[in-house]
């Protein structure tokens, strides 16, 4: 059974930083796309960042502030979030794919989410 478990969320003041982690188990994601999404209250889930072996990409709304990376074993993915803004408040979800596409892969696996709250 594949599991994605996020950690690292919490409450932070505007301008602060958080680092989210996602640990995958049950299968290897080496070479496959992993990513982060978020969902704010009353809004649809939106793409934040994704990464494959050749590189990563981030949404325009977080570009220059958020960085996605993967651990050595490629079954862990991180999201470093700097210069946080109140509008970054959301539940952040980790996602895993069986595709090597960086752009719009089919996301098959999802974590339960971790809450990030940014106070003004």
C-alpha atoms as a PDB file:
ATOM      1  CA  UNK A   1       0.000   0.000   0.000  1.00  0.00           C
ATOM      2  CA  UNK A   2       1.435   3.328  -1.071  1.00  0.00           C
ATOM      3  CA  UNK A   3       1.482   6.052   1.564  1.00  0.00           C
ATOM      4  CA  UNK A   4       2.566   9.671   1.377  1.00  0.00           C
ATOM      5  CA  UNK A   5       2.969  11.364   4.748  1.00  0.00           C
ATOM      6  CA  UNK A   6       3.487  15.107   5.012  1.00  0.00           C
ATOM      7  CA  UNK A   7       5.038  16.941   7.945  1.00  0.00           C
ATOM      8  CA  UNK A   8       6.386  20.356   8.802  1.00  0.00           C
ATOM      9  CA  UNK A   9       3.272  22.485   8.661  1.00  0.00           C
ATOM     10  CA  UNK A  10       2.362  24.977  11.350  1.00  0.00           C
ATOM     11  CA  UNK A  11       1.733  28.588  12.232  1.00  0.00           C
ATOM     12  CA  UNK A  12       4.212  31.232  11.121  1.00  0.00           C
ATOM     13  CA  UNK A  13       4.241  35.006  10.851  1.00  0.00           C
ATOM     14  CA  UNK A  14       4.274  36.726   7.491  1.00  0.00           C
ATOM     15  CA  UNK A  15       7.802  36.878   6.136  1.00  0.00           C
ATOM     16  CA  UNK A  16       8.788  33.673   7.892  1.00  0.00           C
ATOM     17  CA  UNK A  17       9.803  30.282   6.555  1.00  0.00           C
ATOM     18  CA  UNK A  18       8.680  26.678   6.796  1.00  0.00           C
ATOM     19  CA  UNK A  19       9.978  23.458   5.315  1.00  0.00           C
ATOM     20  CA  UNK A  20       7.491  20.758   4.426  1.00  0.00           C
ATOM     21  CA  UNK A  21       8.535  17.131   4.050  1.00  0.00           C
ATOM     22  CA  UNK A  22       6.793  14.225   2.386  1.00  0.00           C
ATOM     23  CA  UNK A  23       7.899  10.658   2.964  1.00  0.00           C
ATOM     24  CA  UNK A  24       6.698   7.985   0.558  1.00  0.00           C
ATOM     25  CA  UNK A  25       6.446   4.294   1.337  1.00  0.00           C
ATOM     26  CA  UNK A  26       5.034   1.226  -0.366  1.00  0.00           C
ATOM     27  CA  UNK A  27       6.757   1.811  -3.703  1.00  0.00           C
ATOM     28  CA  UNK A  28       9.716   3.629  -5.147  1.00  0.00           C
ATOM     29  CA  UNK A  29       9.200   6.986  -6.851  1.00  0.00           C
ATOM     30  CA  UNK A  30      12.714   7.114  -8.218  1.00  0.00           C
ATOM     31  CA  UNK A  31      12.559   8.866 -11.572  1.00  0.00           C
ATOM     32  CA  UNK A  32       8.857   9.615 -11.268  1.00  0.00           C
ATOM     33  CA  UNK A  33       7.267  12.976 -10.660  1.00  0.00           C
ATOM     34  CA  UNK A  34       6.391  14.130  -7.166  1.00  0.00           C
ATOM     35  CA  UNK A  35       4.757  17.381  -6.303  1.00  0.00           C
ATOM     36  CA  UNK A  36       2.984  19.707  -3.914  1.00  0.00           C
ATOM     37  CA  UNK A  37      -0.490  21.152  -4.115  1.00  0.00           C
ATOM     38  CA  UNK A  38      -2.465  23.349  -1.743  1.00  0.00           C
ATOM     39  CA  UNK A  39      -6.078  24.104  -0.978  1.00  0.00           C
ATOM     40  CA  UNK A  40      -7.239  27.208   0.838  1.00  0.00           C
ATOM     41  CA  UNK A  41     -10.667  27.415   2.501  1.00  0.00           C
ATOM     42  CA  UNK A  42     -13.388  27.853  -0.109  1.00  0.00           C
ATOM     43  CA  UNK A  43     -10.977  27.427  -3.001  1.00  0.00           C
ATOM     44  CA  UNK A  44     -10.023  24.629  -5.359  1.00  0.00           C
ATOM     45  CA  UNK A  45      -6.843  22.656  -4.944  1.00  0.00           C
ATOM     46  CA  UNK A  46      -4.017  24.305  -6.878  1.00  0.00           C
ATOM     47  CA  UNK A  47      -0.612  23.262  -8.130  1.00  0.00           C
ATOM     48  CA  UNK A  48       2.391  24.553  -6.186  1.00  0.00           C
ATOM     49  CA  UNK A  49       5.451  22.678  -7.434  1.00  0.00           C
ATOM     50  CA  UNK A  50       6.640  19.463  -9.052  1.00  0.00           C
ATOM     51  CA  UNK A  51       9.959  17.742  -9.601  1.00  0.00           C
ATOM     52  CA  UNK A  52      11.490  14.992 -11.707  1.00  0.00           C
ATOM     53  CA  UNK A  53      15.116  13.920 -12.168  1.00  0.00           C
ATOM     54  CA  UNK A  54      15.817  16.599 -14.756  1.00  0.00           C
ATOM     55  CA  UNK A  55      14.469  19.465 -12.714  1.00  0.00           C
ATOM     56  CA  UNK A  56      11.518  21.117 -11.061  1.00  0.00           C
ATOM     57  CA  UNK A  57       8.937  23.804 -11.588  1.00  0.00           C
ATOM     58  CA  UNK A  58       6.883  26.079  -9.362  1.00  0.00           C
ATOM     59  CA  UNK A  59       3.653  27.980  -9.799  1.00  0.00           C
ATOM     60  CA  UNK A  60       3.933  31.656 -10.664  1.00  0.00           C
ATOM     61  CA  UNK A  61       2.322  32.570  -7.343  1.00  0.00           C
ATOM     62  CA  UNK A  62       5.225  31.097  -5.368  1.00  0.00           C
ATOM     63  CA  UNK A  63       8.095  31.494  -7.815  1.00  0.00           C
ATOM     64  CA  UNK A  64      11.197  32.891  -6.164  1.00  0.00           C
ATOM     65  CA  UNK A  65       9.870  32.092  -2.682  1.00  0.00           C
ATOM     66  CA  UNK A  66       9.272  28.319  -2.705  1.00  0.00           C
ATOM     67  CA  UNK A  67      11.766  25.633  -3.702  1.00  0.00           C
ATOM     68  CA  UNK A  68      11.037  21.953  -4.280  1.00  0.00           C
ATOM     69  CA  UNK A  69      13.705  19.303  -3.815  1.00  0.00           C
ATOM     70  CA  UNK A  70      14.035  15.556  -3.303  1.00  0.00           C
ATOM     71  CA  UNK A  71      15.973  13.475  -0.867  1.00  0.00           C
ATOM     72  CA  UNK A  72      18.882  11.197  -1.785  1.00  0.00           C
ATOM     73  CA  UNK A  73      16.693   8.109  -1.925  1.00  0.00           C
ATOM     74  CA  UNK A  74      14.155   9.912  -4.118  1.00  0.00           C
ATOM     75  CA  UNK A  75      11.279   8.805  -1.917  1.00  0.00           C
ATOM     76  CA  UNK A  76      11.248  12.033   0.036  1.00  0.00           C
ATOM     77  CA  UNK A  77      10.253  15.407  -1.333  1.00  0.00           C
ATOM     78  CA  UNK A  78      10.625  18.776   0.360  1.00  0.00           C
ATOM     79  CA  UNK A  79       9.077  22.178  -0.077  1.00  0.00           C
ATOM     80  CA  UNK A  80      11.111  25.059   1.307  1.00  0.00           C
ATOM     81  CA  UNK A  81       8.817  28.041   1.742  1.00  0.00           C
ATOM     82  CA  UNK A  82      10.356  31.465   2.353  1.00  0.00           C
ATOM     83  CA  UNK A  83       8.878  34.947   2.577  1.00  0.00           C
ATOM     84  CA  UNK A  84       5.514  33.475   3.452  1.00  0.00           C
ATOM     85  CA  UNK A  85       2.399  35.568   2.963  1.00  0.00           C
ATOM     86  CA  UNK A  86      -1.054  35.277   4.553  1.00  0.00           C
ATOM     87  CA  UNK A  87      -2.390  34.173   1.162  1.00  0.00           C
ATOM     88  CA  UNK A  88      -0.153  31.100   1.381  1.00  0.00           C
ATOM     89  CA  UNK A  89      -2.405  29.808   4.164  1.00  0.00           C
ATOM     90  CA  UNK A  90      -3.780  26.445   3.048  1.00  0.00           C
ATOM     91  CA  UNK A  91      -3.621  22.716   3.513  1.00  0.00           C
ATOM     92  CA  UNK A  92      -0.596  21.483   1.592  1.00  0.00           C
ATOM     93  CA  UNK A  93      -0.733  18.076  -0.064  1.00  0.00           C
ATOM     94  CA  UNK A  94       2.042  15.862  -1.353  1.00  0.00           C
ATOM     95  CA  UNK A  95       1.394  13.978  -4.595  1.00  0.00           C
ATOM     96  CA  UNK A  96       3.103  11.135  -6.414  1.00  0.00           C
ATOM     97  CA  UNK A  97       2.934  10.027 -10.013  1.00  0.00           C
ATOM     98  CA  UNK A  98       3.939   7.074 -12.143  1.00  0.00           C
ATOM     99  CA  UNK A  99       4.908   9.442 -14.934  1.00  0.00           C
ATOM    100  CA  UNK A 100       8.244  11.089 -15.650  1.00  0.00           C
ATOM    101  CA  UNK A 101       6.550  14.189 -17.017  1.00  0.00           C
ATOM    102  CA  UNK A 102       7.349  17.402 -15.197  1.00  0.00           C
ATOM    103  CA  UNK A 103       4.317  19.223 -16.553  1.00  0.00           C
ATOM    104  CA  UNK A 104       0.837  17.890 -15.787  1.00  0.00           C
ATOM    105  CA  UNK A 105       1.622  14.266 -14.993  1.00  0.00           C
ATOM    106  CA  UNK A 106      -1.249  12.123 -13.767  1.00  0.00           C
ATOM    107  CA  UNK A 107      -1.149  12.374 -10.002  1.00  0.00           C
ATOM    108  CA  UNK A 108      -2.116   8.983  -8.651  1.00  0.00           C
ATOM    109  CA  UNK A 109      -1.117   9.130  -5.003  1.00  0.00           C
ATOM    110  CA  UNK A 110      -1.966  11.776  -2.408  1.00  0.00           C
ATOM    111  CA  UNK A 111      -1.068  12.460   1.185  1.00  0.00           C
ATOM    112  CA  UNK A 112      -3.499  13.555   3.867  1.00  0.00           C
ATOM    113  CA  UNK A 113      -2.218  17.112   3.944  1.00  0.00           C
ATOM    114  CA  UNK A 114      -0.552  19.412   6.448  1.00  0.00           C
ATOM    115  CA  UNK A 115      -1.911  22.783   7.541  1.00  0.00           C
ATOM    116  CA  UNK A 116       0.134  25.912   6.937  1.00  0.00           C
ATOM    117  CA  UNK A 117      -1.161  29.108   8.518  1.00  0.00           C
ATOM    118  CA  UNK A 118       0.539  32.447   7.914  1.00  0.00           C
ATOM    119  CA  UNK A 119      -0.479  35.274  10.223  1.00  0.00           C
ATOM    120  CA  UNK A 120      -0.259  38.915   9.232  1.00  0.00           C
END
